[in-house]
Amino acid sequence: MVVIKRYKRSHPTGGISHYSIRHRFGRVYQVFHDDPYIGISQPYEFDYRVLSGHFGDLVSAEAELRRMYPDIENDI
């Protein structure tokens, strides 16, 4: 997988979550929550969580992410 675009989302309590759209080698795109387990002392197998199914293009994947989190911002 290759990260194509990164995003961030501020929480009302002051934290920030990070998200990304990744291009899988099967020519599909998926939306990921990049740091869902921050602050949890338990080890996890992965440091990310898949949030979507497969999309045929970046525009559709980004539209789904913005539908789920309208307040998301591009992360530079």
N, C-alpha and C. Protein backbone atom coordinates (compact mmCIF):
# COMPACT_ATOMS: atom_id res chain seq x y z
N MET A 1 0.84 -1.19 0.00
CA MET A 1 0.00 0.00 0.00
C MET A 1 0.88 1.24 0.00
N VAL A 2 0.37 2.27 -0.64
CA VAL A 2 1.06 3.55 -0.69
C VAL A 2 0.10 4.62 -0.20
N VAL A 3 0.55 5.46 0.74
CA VAL A 3 -0.28 6.56 1.21
C VAL A 3 -0.31 7.64 0.12
N ILE A 4 -1.51 7.99 -0.32
CA ILE A 4 -1.68 8.98 -1.37
C ILE A 4 -1.93 10.37 -0.78
N LYS A 5 -2.75 10.43 0.24
CA LYS A 5 -3.13 11.72 0.82
C LYS A 5 -3.38 11.54 2.32
N ARG A 6 -2.99 12.55 3.11
CA ARG A 6 -3.18 12.51 4.56
C ARG A 6 -4.13 13.63 5.00
N TYR A 7 -4.84 13.36 6.10
CA TYR A 7 -5.83 14.30 6.64
C TYR A 7 -5.70 14.33 8.15
N LYS A 8 -6.27 15.37 8.75
CA LYS A 8 -6.32 15.45 10.21
C LYS A 8 -7.69 15.96 10.61
N ARG A 9 -8.04 15.64 11.85
CA ARG A 9 -9.34 16.04 12.39
C ARG A 9 -9.16 16.40 13.85
N SER A 10 -9.53 17.60 14.22
CA SER A 10 -9.42 18.06 15.60
C SER A 10 -10.61 17.58 16.41
N HIS A 11 -10.34 17.20 17.65
CA HIS A 11 -11.39 16.79 18.57
C HIS A 11 -11.78 17.97 19.45
N PRO A 12 -13.02 18.04 19.87
CA PRO A 12 -13.45 19.12 20.76
C PRO A 12 -12.67 19.15 22.07
N THR A 13 -12.15 18.01 22.49
CA THR A 13 -11.40 17.94 23.75
C THR A 13 -9.93 18.31 23.59
N GLY A 14 -9.50 18.59 22.36
CA GLY A 14 -8.15 19.06 22.14
C GLY A 14 -7.22 18.13 21.39
N GLY A 15 -7.57 16.89 21.17
CA GLY A 15 -6.70 15.96 20.45
C GLY A 15 -6.86 16.07 18.94
N ILE A 16 -5.98 15.40 18.22
CA ILE A 16 -6.04 15.36 16.76
C ILE A 16 -5.93 13.91 16.31
N SER A 17 -6.78 13.51 15.38
CA SER A 17 -6.70 12.18 14.77
C SER A 17 -6.21 12.35 13.34
N HIS A 18 -5.52 11.33 12.85
CA HIS A 18 -4.99 11.37 11.49
C HIS A 18 -5.63 10.27 10.65
N TYR A 19 -5.86 10.59 9.39
CA TYR A 19 -6.49 9.69 8.44
C TYR A 19 -5.70 9.72 7.15
N SER A 20 -5.90 8.71 6.32
CA SER A 20 -5.23 8.71 5.03
C SER A 20 -6.05 7.93 4.01
N ILE A 21 -5.76 8.21 2.76
CA ILE A 21 -6.27 7.40 1.66
C ILE A 21 -5.06 6.69 1.10
N ARG A 22 -5.18 5.38 0.98
CA ARG A 22 -4.05 4.57 0.51
C ARG A 22 -4.44 3.85 -0.77
N HIS A 23 -3.45 3.72 -1.63
CA HIS A 23 -3.62 3.02 -2.90
C HIS A 23 -3.08 1.61 -2.72
N ARG A 24 -3.96 0.66 -2.90
CA ARG A 24 -3.55 -0.74 -2.78
C ARG A 24 -3.04 -1.22 -4.12
N PHE A 25 -2.24 -2.24 -4.09
CA PHE A 25 -1.61 -2.72 -5.32
C PHE A 25 -2.61 -3.32 -6.29
N GLY A 26 -3.82 -3.60 -5.85
CA GLY A 26 -4.86 -4.09 -6.74
C GLY A 26 -5.57 -2.96 -7.48
N ARG A 27 -4.97 -1.78 -7.49
CA ARG A 27 -5.52 -0.59 -8.16
C ARG A 27 -6.81 -0.10 -7.54
N VAL A 28 -6.92 -0.24 -6.25
CA VAL A 28 -8.07 0.29 -5.53
C VAL A 28 -7.59 1.20 -4.41
N TYR A 29 -8.48 2.05 -3.93
CA TYR A 29 -8.19 2.99 -2.86
C TYR A 29 -9.03 2.63 -1.64
N GLN A 30 -8.46 2.88 -0.45
CA GLN A 30 -9.19 2.66 0.79
C GLN A 30 -8.90 3.80 1.75
N VAL A 31 -9.86 4.04 2.66
CA VAL A 31 -9.74 5.07 3.68
C VAL A 31 -9.29 4.41 4.99
N PHE A 32 -8.32 5.02 5.67
CA PHE A 32 -7.77 4.48 6.91
C PHE A 32 -7.77 5.52 8.02
N HIS A 33 -7.98 5.06 9.24
CA HIS A 33 -7.75 5.87 10.44
C HIS A 33 -6.35 5.48 10.87
N ASP A 34 -5.41 6.42 10.82
CA ASP A 34 -4.00 6.09 11.00
C ASP A 34 -3.57 5.91 12.44
N ASP A 35 -4.26 6.48 13.40
CA ASP A 35 -3.80 6.38 14.79
C ASP A 35 -4.96 6.13 15.77
N PRO A 36 -5.76 5.10 15.53
CA PRO A 36 -6.94 4.90 16.37
C PRO A 36 -6.63 4.44 17.79
N TYR A 37 -5.44 3.96 18.04
CA TYR A 37 -5.14 3.36 19.33
C TYR A 37 -4.19 4.20 20.19
N ILE A 38 -4.00 5.46 19.83
CA ILE A 38 -3.14 6.34 20.64
C ILE A 38 -3.74 6.48 22.03
N GLY A 39 -2.89 6.37 23.03
CA GLY A 39 -3.34 6.50 24.40
C GLY A 39 -3.76 5.20 25.05
N ILE A 40 -3.78 4.12 24.29
CA ILE A 40 -4.13 2.81 24.83
C ILE A 40 -2.83 2.06 25.10
N SER A 41 -2.67 1.58 26.31
CA SER A 41 -1.40 0.95 26.68
C SER A 41 -1.25 -0.48 26.18
N GLN A 42 -2.30 -1.04 25.64
CA GLN A 42 -2.27 -2.40 25.12
C GLN A 42 -1.63 -2.43 23.74
N PRO A 43 -0.76 -3.38 23.43
CA PRO A 43 -0.19 -3.47 22.08
C PRO A 43 -1.23 -4.02 21.08
N TYR A 44 -1.20 -3.52 19.87
CA TYR A 44 -2.09 -3.99 18.82
C TYR A 44 -1.27 -4.42 17.63
N GLU A 45 -1.81 -5.33 16.83
CA GLU A 45 -1.08 -5.86 15.69
C GLU A 45 -0.83 -4.76 14.66
N PHE A 46 -1.79 -3.87 14.45
CA PHE A 46 -1.66 -2.81 13.46
C PHE A 46 -1.84 -1.46 14.13
N ASP A 47 -1.23 -0.44 13.59
CA ASP A 47 -1.38 0.90 14.14
C ASP A 47 -2.39 1.72 13.35
N TYR A 48 -3.20 1.07 12.54
CA TYR A 48 -4.23 1.75 11.76
C TYR A 48 -5.49 0.89 11.73
N ARG A 49 -6.57 1.49 11.23
CA ARG A 49 -7.84 0.77 11.12
C ARG A 49 -8.47 1.12 9.77
N VAL A 50 -8.91 0.13 9.03
CA VAL A 50 -9.56 0.34 7.74
C VAL A 50 -10.96 0.88 8.00
N LEU A 51 -11.34 1.97 7.31
CA LEU A 51 -12.66 2.58 7.50
C LEU A 51 -13.59 2.37 6.32
N SER A 52 -13.09 1.88 5.20
CA SER A 52 -13.94 1.79 4.01
C SER A 52 -13.68 0.52 3.23
N GLY A 53 -14.54 0.31 2.27
CA GLY A 53 -14.32 -0.74 1.28
C GLY A 53 -13.39 -0.22 0.21
N HIS A 54 -13.44 -0.81 -0.94
CA HIS A 54 -12.55 -0.42 -2.04
C HIS A 54 -13.23 0.59 -2.96
N PHE A 55 -12.45 1.55 -3.44
CA PHE A 55 -12.92 2.55 -4.39
C PHE A 55 -12.04 2.50 -5.63
N GLY A 56 -12.63 2.78 -6.77
CA GLY A 56 -11.89 2.73 -8.03
C GLY A 56 -11.06 3.96 -8.31
N ASP A 57 -11.30 5.04 -7.57
CA ASP A 57 -10.52 6.26 -7.79
C ASP A 57 -10.40 7.07 -6.51
N LEU A 58 -9.44 7.98 -6.51
CA LEU A 58 -9.15 8.81 -5.34
C LEU A 58 -10.32 9.73 -5.00
N VAL A 59 -10.99 10.26 -6.00
CA VAL A 59 -12.11 11.19 -5.78
C VAL A 59 -13.22 10.52 -4.98
N SER A 60 -13.56 9.30 -5.32
CA SER A 60 -14.61 8.57 -4.62
C SER A 60 -14.21 8.25 -3.18
N ALA A 61 -12.95 7.86 -2.98
CA ALA A 61 -12.47 7.56 -1.63
C ALA A 61 -12.49 8.82 -0.77
N GLU A 62 -12.06 9.94 -1.33
CA GLU A 62 -12.07 11.18 -0.56
C GLU A 62 -13.50 11.64 -0.25
N ALA A 63 -14.42 11.45 -1.18
CA ALA A 63 -15.82 11.80 -0.94
C ALA A 63 -16.38 10.98 0.22
N GLU A 64 -16.03 9.72 0.31
CA GLU A 64 -16.50 8.87 1.42
C GLU A 64 -15.91 9.34 2.75
N LEU A 65 -14.62 9.67 2.77
CA LEU A 65 -14.00 10.16 3.99
C LEU A 65 -14.66 11.47 4.44
N ARG A 66 -14.93 12.36 3.52
CA ARG A 66 -15.57 13.64 3.86
C ARG A 66 -17.03 13.45 4.27
N ARG A 67 -17.67 12.40 3.76
CA ARG A 67 -19.03 12.08 4.20
C ARG A 67 -19.02 11.62 5.65
N MET A 68 -18.03 10.78 6.00
CA MET A 68 -17.93 10.27 7.36
C MET A 68 -17.51 11.36 8.35
N TYR A 69 -16.60 12.21 7.93
CA TYR A 69 -16.04 13.26 8.80
C TYR A 69 -16.03 14.60 8.05
N PRO A 70 -17.14 15.31 8.04
CA PRO A 70 -17.23 16.57 7.28
C PRO A 70 -16.22 17.63 7.75
N ASP A 71 -15.74 17.53 8.96
CA ASP A 71 -14.83 18.54 9.50
C ASP A 71 -13.34 18.18 9.28
N ILE A 72 -13.07 17.22 8.44
CA ILE A 72 -11.70 16.78 8.19
C ILE A 72 -10.93 17.85 7.38
N GLU A 73 -9.63 17.95 7.63
CA GLU A 73 -8.79 18.92 6.93
C GLU A 73 -7.62 18.20 6.29
N ASN A 74 -7.10 18.78 5.20
CA ASN A 74 -5.87 18.23 4.60
C ASN A 74 -4.73 18.39 5.58
N ASP A 75 -3.88 17.39 5.66
CA ASP A 75 -2.71 17.43 6.54
C ASP A 75 -1.48 17.59 5.66
N ILE A 76 -0.78 18.67 5.86
CA ILE A 76 0.38 18.96 5.00
C ILE A 76 1.62 18.32 5.55
